[in-house]
Structure formats: C-alpha cells, structure tokens
Amino acid sequence: MILFKNQTMVDEWKSAYKWASVRLAVLAGMIATYIATYPDQFAQIVEHLPTWAKPLVPIVTVALPIYLRLTQKDSTKA
C-alpha cells in the first residue's frame, strides 16, 4: 500500500506490549467491543456522567494515547 511505503518499525517493537499507549489501545478495543455488543447499557453508563464531562470523552480518547506514546519511558530500563 502506498500509505506504508516509507514506514519502518520502531527499534523496540518486540517490547511494545509494555508501552502504555499500546495497553490503552487494547483497552479501547475492549471498550469498543463492549459498546458494539451492549449499546443500551453503554448509553446508560454515559447518562451517569456529569454534563460537563460528556464532551471530554472523545477529547480524552484521542489525547491520552498520543500523550502516552510521546512520553514513553525507556522500556529497556526496569
């Protein structure tokens, strides 16, 4: 595909499971699966959020993985 023509893997790709951004992506996938399977229950959960917090959900969903990926700790030290 032309999108991936000049792409290379990061050096430490084998330790990707340790990255917080990858873990968050897995959690987001699990939540998306829950939403697709039980949309009515998810709507009830969202209704319990305060009105000021509802618009923040998509912002946090996008910003948190980006922040975690950009501030990734050195996974070789531990």
N, C-alpha and C. Protein backbone atom coordinates (compact mmCIF):
# COMPACT_ATOMS: atom_id res chain seq x y z
N MET A 1 0.84 -1.19 0.00
CA MET A 1 0.00 0.00 0.00
C MET A 1 0.88 1.24 0.00
N ILE A 2 0.41 2.27 -0.64
CA ILE A 2 1.19 3.50 -0.74
C ILE A 2 1.33 4.20 0.61
N LEU A 3 0.37 4.04 1.52
CA LEU A 3 0.45 4.67 2.84
C LEU A 3 1.65 4.18 3.64
N PHE A 4 2.01 2.94 3.47
CA PHE A 4 3.06 2.34 4.28
C PHE A 4 4.38 2.20 3.53
N LYS A 5 4.52 2.89 2.42
CA LYS A 5 5.69 2.73 1.56
C LYS A 5 7.00 3.03 2.27
N ASN A 6 7.09 4.11 2.98
CA ASN A 6 8.33 4.53 3.63
C ASN A 6 8.31 4.31 5.14
N GLN A 7 7.46 3.46 5.61
CA GLN A 7 7.34 3.22 7.04
C GLN A 7 8.34 2.17 7.51
N THR A 8 8.85 2.36 8.71
CA THR A 8 9.73 1.36 9.32
C THR A 8 9.24 1.10 10.73
N MET A 9 9.57 -0.04 11.24
CA MET A 9 9.18 -0.40 12.61
C MET A 9 10.08 0.36 13.59
N VAL A 10 9.56 0.65 14.77
CA VAL A 10 10.40 1.23 15.81
C VAL A 10 11.41 0.18 16.27
N ASP A 11 12.51 0.62 16.83
CA ASP A 11 13.58 -0.31 17.20
C ASP A 11 13.14 -1.35 18.23
N GLU A 12 12.37 -0.93 19.20
CA GLU A 12 11.99 -1.84 20.29
C GLU A 12 10.59 -2.41 20.09
N TRP A 13 10.21 -2.76 18.88
CA TRP A 13 8.83 -3.20 18.62
C TRP A 13 8.47 -4.47 19.36
N LYS A 14 9.46 -5.32 19.70
CA LYS A 14 9.16 -6.56 20.41
C LYS A 14 8.72 -6.32 21.85
N SER A 15 9.05 -5.16 22.40
CA SER A 15 8.63 -4.84 23.76
C SER A 15 7.40 -3.93 23.77
N ALA A 16 6.68 -3.88 22.65
CA ALA A 16 5.54 -2.97 22.51
C ALA A 16 4.44 -3.25 23.54
N TYR A 17 4.33 -4.50 23.99
CA TYR A 17 3.28 -4.82 24.96
C TYR A 17 3.49 -4.08 26.27
N LYS A 18 4.68 -3.57 26.52
CA LYS A 18 4.96 -2.84 27.76
C LYS A 18 4.55 -1.37 27.67
N TRP A 19 4.36 -0.87 26.44
CA TRP A 19 4.07 0.55 26.27
C TRP A 19 2.66 0.87 26.74
N ALA A 20 2.54 1.95 27.48
CA ALA A 20 1.24 2.37 27.99
C ALA A 20 0.27 2.68 26.85
N SER A 21 0.77 3.25 25.77
CA SER A 21 -0.11 3.58 24.65
C SER A 21 -0.68 2.33 23.99
N VAL A 22 0.09 1.26 23.94
CA VAL A 22 -0.39 0.00 23.37
C VAL A 22 -1.42 -0.61 24.31
N ARG A 23 -1.15 -0.59 25.58
CA ARG A 23 -2.11 -1.12 26.56
C ARG A 23 -3.42 -0.33 26.50
N LEU A 24 -3.31 0.99 26.33
CA LEU A 24 -4.51 1.81 26.23
C LEU A 24 -5.28 1.49 24.96
N ALA A 25 -4.56 1.21 23.87
CA ALA A 25 -5.23 0.84 22.62
C ALA A 25 -5.98 -0.48 22.78
N VAL A 26 -5.41 -1.42 23.51
CA VAL A 26 -6.09 -2.70 23.77
C VAL A 26 -7.35 -2.44 24.60
N LEU A 27 -7.22 -1.61 25.63
CA LEU A 27 -8.37 -1.28 26.46
C LEU A 27 -9.45 -0.59 25.63
N ALA A 28 -9.06 0.32 24.74
CA ALA A 28 -10.03 1.00 23.88
C ALA A 28 -10.74 -0.01 22.97
N GLY A 29 -10.01 -0.99 22.48
CA GLY A 29 -10.62 -2.03 21.65
C GLY A 29 -11.63 -2.85 22.43
N MET A 30 -11.30 -3.14 23.69
CA MET A 30 -12.23 -3.90 24.53
C MET A 30 -13.48 -3.07 24.80
N ILE A 31 -13.31 -1.79 25.05
CA ILE A 31 -14.46 -0.92 25.30
C ILE A 31 -15.32 -0.79 24.04
N ALA A 32 -14.67 -0.66 22.89
CA ALA A 32 -15.42 -0.57 21.62
C ALA A 32 -16.22 -1.85 21.38
N THR A 33 -15.64 -2.99 21.71
CA THR A 33 -16.36 -4.26 21.57
C THR A 33 -17.56 -4.29 22.50
N TYR A 34 -17.38 -3.82 23.73
CA TYR A 34 -18.49 -3.77 24.69
C TYR A 34 -19.60 -2.86 24.16
N ILE A 35 -19.21 -1.69 23.63
CA ILE A 35 -20.20 -0.74 23.11
C ILE A 35 -20.98 -1.36 21.95
N ALA A 36 -20.27 -2.05 21.07
CA ALA A 36 -20.94 -2.67 19.92
C ALA A 36 -21.86 -3.80 20.35
N THR A 37 -21.48 -4.50 21.40
CA THR A 37 -22.27 -5.64 21.86
C THR A 37 -23.46 -5.21 22.72
N TYR A 38 -23.24 -4.21 23.58
CA TYR A 38 -24.29 -3.77 24.52
C TYR A 38 -24.50 -2.26 24.42
N PRO A 39 -25.02 -1.76 23.31
CA PRO A 39 -25.15 -0.29 23.15
C PRO A 39 -26.10 0.35 24.16
N ASP A 40 -27.15 -0.36 24.54
CA ASP A 40 -28.11 0.21 25.50
C ASP A 40 -27.48 0.39 26.87
N GLN A 41 -26.71 -0.60 27.32
CA GLN A 41 -26.04 -0.49 28.62
C GLN A 41 -25.01 0.63 28.61
N PHE A 42 -24.28 0.77 27.49
CA PHE A 42 -23.29 1.85 27.41
C PHE A 42 -23.96 3.21 27.48
N ALA A 43 -25.11 3.35 26.82
CA ALA A 43 -25.84 4.63 26.86
C ALA A 43 -26.26 4.96 28.28
N GLN A 44 -26.63 3.94 29.05
CA GLN A 44 -26.99 4.17 30.46
C GLN A 44 -25.78 4.61 31.27
N ILE A 45 -24.63 4.05 30.98
CA ILE A 45 -23.40 4.45 31.68
C ILE A 45 -23.07 5.91 31.38
N VAL A 46 -23.17 6.30 30.12
CA VAL A 46 -22.86 7.67 29.72
C VAL A 46 -23.84 8.65 30.35
N GLU A 47 -25.08 8.24 30.53
CA GLU A 47 -26.08 9.11 31.15
C GLU A 47 -25.70 9.48 32.58
N HIS A 48 -24.90 8.65 33.24
CA HIS A 48 -24.49 8.92 34.62
C HIS A 48 -23.34 9.92 34.72
N LEU A 49 -22.72 10.22 33.58
CA LEU A 49 -21.64 11.21 33.59
C LEU A 49 -22.22 12.60 33.79
N PRO A 50 -21.49 13.47 34.47
CA PRO A 50 -21.95 14.86 34.57
C PRO A 50 -21.98 15.52 33.19
N THR A 51 -22.82 16.52 33.02
CA THR A 51 -22.96 17.15 31.71
C THR A 51 -21.65 17.75 31.21
N TRP A 52 -20.85 18.30 32.09
CA TRP A 52 -19.59 18.91 31.67
C TRP A 52 -18.59 17.86 31.20
N ALA A 53 -18.72 16.60 31.64
CA ALA A 53 -17.75 15.56 31.31
C ALA A 53 -18.04 14.88 29.97
N LYS A 54 -19.27 14.91 29.52
CA LYS A 54 -19.63 14.21 28.28
C LYS A 54 -18.84 14.69 27.06
N PRO A 55 -18.65 16.02 26.86
CA PRO A 55 -17.86 16.44 25.70
C PRO A 55 -16.37 16.09 25.82
N LEU A 56 -15.90 15.81 27.02
CA LEU A 56 -14.48 15.50 27.22
C LEU A 56 -14.13 14.07 26.84
N VAL A 57 -15.12 13.19 26.75
CA VAL A 57 -14.85 11.78 26.46
C VAL A 57 -14.10 11.61 25.14
N PRO A 58 -14.54 12.18 24.02
CA PRO A 58 -13.77 11.98 22.79
C PRO A 58 -12.41 12.67 22.82
N ILE A 59 -12.32 13.81 23.50
CA ILE A 59 -11.03 14.52 23.59
C ILE A 59 -10.01 13.67 24.34
N VAL A 60 -10.42 13.11 25.46
CA VAL A 60 -9.53 12.25 26.25
C VAL A 60 -9.20 10.99 25.47
N THR A 61 -10.16 10.45 24.76
CA THR A 61 -9.94 9.23 23.98
C THR A 61 -8.85 9.44 22.93
N VAL A 62 -8.76 10.62 22.36
CA VAL A 62 -7.74 10.90 21.36
C VAL A 62 -6.43 11.37 22.01
N ALA A 63 -6.53 12.26 22.98
CA ALA A 63 -5.34 12.89 23.54
C ALA A 63 -4.51 11.96 24.43
N LEU A 64 -5.15 11.11 25.19
CA LEU A 64 -4.41 10.26 26.13
C LEU A 64 -3.45 9.29 25.43
N PRO A 65 -3.87 8.55 24.41
CA PRO A 65 -2.90 7.67 23.75
C PRO A 65 -1.74 8.44 23.10
N ILE A 66 -2.04 9.61 22.54
CA ILE A 66 -0.97 10.40 21.93
C ILE A 66 0.01 10.85 23.01
N TYR A 67 -0.50 11.35 24.11
CA TYR A 67 0.37 11.76 25.22
C TYR A 67 1.21 10.60 25.73
N LEU A 68 0.58 9.46 25.94
CA LEU A 68 1.32 8.31 26.44
C LEU A 68 2.40 7.84 25.47
N ARG A 69 2.12 7.92 24.20
CA ARG A 69 3.11 7.49 23.21
C ARG A 69 4.27 8.47 23.12
N LEU A 70 3.97 9.75 23.21
CA LEU A 70 5.02 10.76 23.12
C LEU A 70 5.89 10.84 24.37
N THR A 71 5.35 10.42 25.49
CA THR A 71 6.10 10.47 26.74
C THR A 71 6.53 9.08 27.19
N GLN A 72 6.72 8.18 26.25
CA GLN A 72 7.05 6.79 26.57
C GLN A 72 8.37 6.71 27.32
N LYS A 73 8.37 5.95 28.40
CA LYS A 73 9.58 5.71 29.18
C LYS A 73 10.46 4.70 28.46
N ASP A 74 11.73 4.71 28.78
CA ASP A 74 12.65 3.75 28.19
C ASP A 74 12.33 2.36 28.71
N SER A 75 11.87 1.47 27.84
CA SER A 75 11.43 0.15 28.27
C SER A 75 12.61 -0.79 28.52
N THR A 76 13.83 -0.40 28.15
CA THR A 76 14.98 -1.27 28.39
C THR A 76 15.47 -1.18 29.82
N LYS A 77 15.07 -0.11 30.53
CA LYS A 77 15.43 0.03 31.94
C LYS A 77 14.26 -0.43 32.79
N ALA A 78 14.48 -1.37 33.66
CA ALA A 78 13.39 -1.78 34.55
C ALA A 78 13.84 -2.86 35.47
